[in-house]
Amino acid sequence: YQNYKSKFKYLKTQTYPSLLLPFDFGFLMQVAGSIAEIRRLVGVAKKAGQTVGFVATLGALHGGHMSLIER
């Protein structure tokens, strides 16, 4: 969890319409800045046959979020 915490710290102060985050999770995480962007990203992923997971954080990431991501 501590490794993940430092990687996400900078996201609190920045706004991104869409950001691809290639962390050591074994997958890519994308951060969307709007509902329209979420819909677009989910559509693209579904067309590519990918699995999409959603974890709402309200700007803070903690161990509970990480357990959802690991599932």
N, C-alpha and C. Protein backbone atom coordinates (compact mmCIF):
# COMPACT_ATOMS: atom_id res chain seq x y z
N TYR A 1 0.82 -1.20 0.00
CA TYR A 1 0.00 0.00 0.00
C TYR A 1 0.86 1.26 0.00
N GLN A 2 1.94 1.27 0.75
CA GLN A 2 2.79 2.47 0.82
C GLN A 2 3.38 2.81 -0.54
N ASN A 3 3.77 1.82 -1.32
CA ASN A 3 4.31 2.10 -2.66
C ASN A 3 3.26 2.77 -3.52
N TYR A 4 2.02 2.31 -3.44
CA TYR A 4 0.95 2.88 -4.23
C TYR A 4 0.64 4.30 -3.78
N LYS A 5 0.68 4.53 -2.46
CA LYS A 5 0.34 5.84 -1.91
C LYS A 5 1.22 6.93 -2.50
N SER A 6 2.52 6.71 -2.60
CA SER A 6 3.42 7.72 -3.14
C SER A 6 3.17 7.95 -4.63
N LYS A 7 2.77 6.91 -5.35
CA LYS A 7 2.54 7.04 -6.78
C LYS A 7 1.29 7.86 -7.08
N PHE A 8 0.33 7.86 -6.16
CA PHE A 8 -0.92 8.57 -6.40
C PHE A 8 -0.95 9.96 -5.79
N LYS A 9 0.02 10.28 -4.94
CA LYS A 9 0.01 11.54 -4.21
C LYS A 9 -0.12 12.75 -5.14
N TYR A 10 0.59 12.74 -6.25
CA TYR A 10 0.58 13.90 -7.15
C TYR A 10 -0.76 14.10 -7.85
N LEU A 11 -1.59 13.08 -7.93
CA LEU A 11 -2.86 13.20 -8.64
C LEU A 11 -3.84 14.12 -7.93
N LYS A 12 -3.71 14.29 -6.62
CA LYS A 12 -4.64 15.12 -5.86
C LYS A 12 -4.63 16.57 -6.33
N THR A 13 -3.51 17.05 -6.79
CA THR A 13 -3.38 18.47 -7.12
C THR A 13 -3.49 18.75 -8.62
N GLN A 14 -3.76 17.73 -9.41
CA GLN A 14 -3.78 17.91 -10.86
C GLN A 14 -5.13 17.49 -11.43
N THR A 15 -5.49 18.04 -12.55
CA THR A 15 -6.70 17.65 -13.25
C THR A 15 -6.32 17.14 -14.63
N TYR A 16 -6.83 15.98 -14.98
CA TYR A 16 -6.52 15.36 -16.26
C TYR A 16 -7.81 14.96 -16.95
N PRO A 17 -8.00 15.30 -18.24
CA PRO A 17 -9.17 14.79 -18.95
C PRO A 17 -9.10 13.27 -19.08
N SER A 18 -7.92 12.76 -19.28
CA SER A 18 -7.71 11.31 -19.32
C SER A 18 -6.22 11.08 -19.14
N LEU A 19 -5.90 10.13 -18.30
CA LEU A 19 -4.49 9.87 -18.02
C LEU A 19 -4.29 8.37 -17.95
N LEU A 20 -3.27 7.90 -18.63
CA LEU A 20 -2.91 6.49 -18.60
C LEU A 20 -1.78 6.33 -17.60
N LEU A 21 -1.99 5.48 -16.60
CA LEU A 21 -1.00 5.31 -15.55
C LEU A 21 -0.41 3.91 -15.59
N PRO A 22 0.82 3.74 -16.08
CA PRO A 22 1.42 2.41 -16.18
C PRO A 22 2.19 2.04 -14.91
N PHE A 23 1.47 1.74 -13.83
CA PHE A 23 2.12 1.38 -12.58
C PHE A 23 2.38 -0.10 -12.51
N ASP A 24 2.95 -0.54 -11.41
CA ASP A 24 3.33 -1.94 -11.23
C ASP A 24 2.17 -2.80 -10.74
N PHE A 25 0.98 -2.54 -11.22
CA PHE A 25 -0.19 -3.33 -10.84
C PHE A 25 -0.34 -4.54 -11.74
N GLY A 26 0.36 -4.56 -12.86
CA GLY A 26 0.17 -5.62 -13.84
C GLY A 26 -0.90 -5.26 -14.85
N PHE A 27 -1.37 -4.03 -14.81
CA PHE A 27 -2.36 -3.53 -15.76
C PHE A 27 -2.20 -2.02 -15.85
N LEU A 28 -2.88 -1.41 -16.80
CA LEU A 28 -2.86 0.04 -16.93
C LEU A 28 -4.10 0.62 -16.27
N MET A 29 -3.93 1.71 -15.58
CA MET A 29 -5.05 2.39 -14.96
C MET A 29 -5.25 3.72 -15.67
N GLN A 30 -6.49 4.04 -15.99
CA GLN A 30 -6.78 5.32 -16.60
C GLN A 30 -7.62 6.16 -15.65
N VAL A 31 -7.28 7.44 -15.56
CA VAL A 31 -8.03 8.37 -14.74
C VAL A 31 -8.83 9.26 -15.69
N ALA A 32 -10.14 9.32 -15.47
CA ALA A 32 -11.01 10.14 -16.32
C ALA A 32 -11.47 11.36 -15.53
N GLY A 33 -11.60 12.47 -16.22
CA GLY A 33 -11.98 13.72 -15.57
C GLY A 33 -13.43 14.11 -15.72
N SER A 34 -14.22 13.31 -16.43
CA SER A 34 -15.64 13.63 -16.61
C SER A 34 -16.43 12.36 -16.91
N ILE A 35 -17.74 12.45 -16.77
CA ILE A 35 -18.60 11.31 -17.09
C ILE A 35 -18.49 10.96 -18.57
N ALA A 36 -18.43 11.97 -19.42
CA ALA A 36 -18.30 11.72 -20.86
C ALA A 36 -17.00 10.96 -21.16
N GLU A 37 -15.93 11.34 -20.47
CA GLU A 37 -14.65 10.67 -20.67
C GLU A 37 -14.71 9.23 -20.17
N ILE A 38 -15.37 8.99 -19.06
CA ILE A 38 -15.54 7.62 -18.56
C ILE A 38 -16.29 6.78 -19.59
N ARG A 39 -17.38 7.31 -20.11
CA ARG A 39 -18.16 6.58 -21.11
C ARG A 39 -17.33 6.26 -22.34
N ARG A 40 -16.54 7.22 -22.79
CA ARG A 40 -15.70 7.00 -23.97
C ARG A 40 -14.66 5.91 -23.69
N LEU A 41 -13.99 6.00 -22.56
CA LEU A 41 -12.95 5.02 -22.22
C LEU A 41 -13.52 3.62 -22.05
N VAL A 42 -14.68 3.51 -21.42
CA VAL A 42 -15.32 2.20 -21.25
C VAL A 42 -15.71 1.62 -22.60
N GLY A 43 -16.24 2.46 -23.49
CA GLY A 43 -16.60 2.00 -24.83
C GLY A 43 -15.41 1.48 -25.61
N VAL A 44 -14.31 2.20 -25.55
CA VAL A 44 -13.09 1.78 -26.24
C VAL A 44 -12.60 0.45 -25.67
N ALA A 45 -12.59 0.32 -24.35
CA ALA A 45 -12.11 -0.91 -23.72
C ALA A 45 -13.00 -2.09 -24.06
N LYS A 46 -14.31 -1.89 -24.03
CA LYS A 46 -15.24 -2.98 -24.36
C LYS A 46 -15.05 -3.45 -25.79
N LYS A 47 -14.89 -2.51 -26.71
CA LYS A 47 -14.68 -2.88 -28.11
C LYS A 47 -13.39 -3.69 -28.29
N ALA A 48 -12.41 -3.43 -27.42
CA ALA A 48 -11.14 -4.15 -27.49
C ALA A 48 -11.18 -5.45 -26.68
N GLY A 49 -12.33 -5.76 -26.08
CA GLY A 49 -12.47 -6.98 -25.30
C GLY A 49 -11.78 -6.94 -23.95
N GLN A 50 -11.52 -5.75 -23.45
CA GLN A 50 -10.83 -5.60 -22.17
C GLN A 50 -11.82 -5.57 -21.01
N THR A 51 -11.30 -5.84 -19.82
CA THR A 51 -12.09 -5.76 -18.60
C THR A 51 -11.94 -4.36 -18.02
N VAL A 52 -13.05 -3.80 -17.55
CA VAL A 52 -13.04 -2.46 -16.98
C VAL A 52 -13.48 -2.56 -15.52
N GLY A 53 -12.71 -1.95 -14.64
CA GLY A 53 -13.09 -1.85 -13.23
C GLY A 53 -13.16 -0.38 -12.86
N PHE A 54 -14.02 -0.05 -11.92
CA PHE A 54 -14.18 1.34 -11.49
C PHE A 54 -14.04 1.41 -9.98
N VAL A 55 -13.16 2.27 -9.51
CA VAL A 55 -12.98 2.49 -8.08
C VAL A 55 -13.04 4.00 -7.85
N ALA A 56 -14.11 4.46 -7.22
CA ALA A 56 -14.25 5.89 -6.90
C ALA A 56 -13.43 6.20 -5.65
N THR A 57 -12.64 7.27 -5.69
CA THR A 57 -11.75 7.57 -4.56
C THR A 57 -12.03 8.90 -3.90
N LEU A 58 -12.75 9.80 -4.53
CA LEU A 58 -12.97 11.16 -4.01
C LEU A 58 -11.64 11.87 -3.73
N GLY A 59 -10.62 11.49 -4.49
CA GLY A 59 -9.33 12.16 -4.40
C GLY A 59 -8.33 11.55 -3.43
N ALA A 60 -8.75 10.55 -2.67
CA ALA A 60 -7.83 9.90 -1.72
C ALA A 60 -7.83 8.41 -1.99
N LEU A 61 -6.66 7.81 -1.93
CA LEU A 61 -6.53 6.38 -2.17
C LEU A 61 -6.07 5.72 -0.87
N HIS A 62 -6.76 4.67 -0.44
CA HIS A 62 -6.38 3.97 0.79
C HIS A 62 -6.45 2.47 0.57
N GLY A 63 -6.14 1.72 1.60
CA GLY A 63 -6.08 0.26 1.51
C GLY A 63 -7.35 -0.38 1.00
N GLY A 64 -8.50 0.16 1.36
CA GLY A 64 -9.77 -0.38 0.86
C GLY A 64 -9.88 -0.27 -0.65
N HIS A 65 -9.42 0.85 -1.19
CA HIS A 65 -9.41 1.02 -2.65
C HIS A 65 -8.48 0.00 -3.29
N MET A 66 -7.32 -0.20 -2.67
CA MET A 66 -6.36 -1.13 -3.24
C MET A 66 -6.91 -2.55 -3.27
N SER A 67 -7.68 -2.93 -2.25
CA SER A 67 -8.26 -4.28 -2.27
C SER A 67 -9.26 -4.43 -3.40
N LEU A 68 -10.00 -3.36 -3.72
CA LEU A 68 -10.91 -3.40 -4.86
C LEU A 68 -10.14 -3.50 -6.17
N ILE A 69 -9.05 -2.76 -6.28
CA ILE A 69 -8.23 -2.78 -7.49
C ILE A 69 -7.63 -4.17 -7.71
N GLU A 70 -7.19 -4.80 -6.62
CA GLU A 70 -6.57 -6.12 -6.73
C GLU A 70 -7.55 -7.19 -7.18
N ARG A 71 -8.84 -7.01 -6.93
CA ARG A 71 -9.85 -7.98 -7.36
C ARG A 71 -9.95 -7.98 -8.85
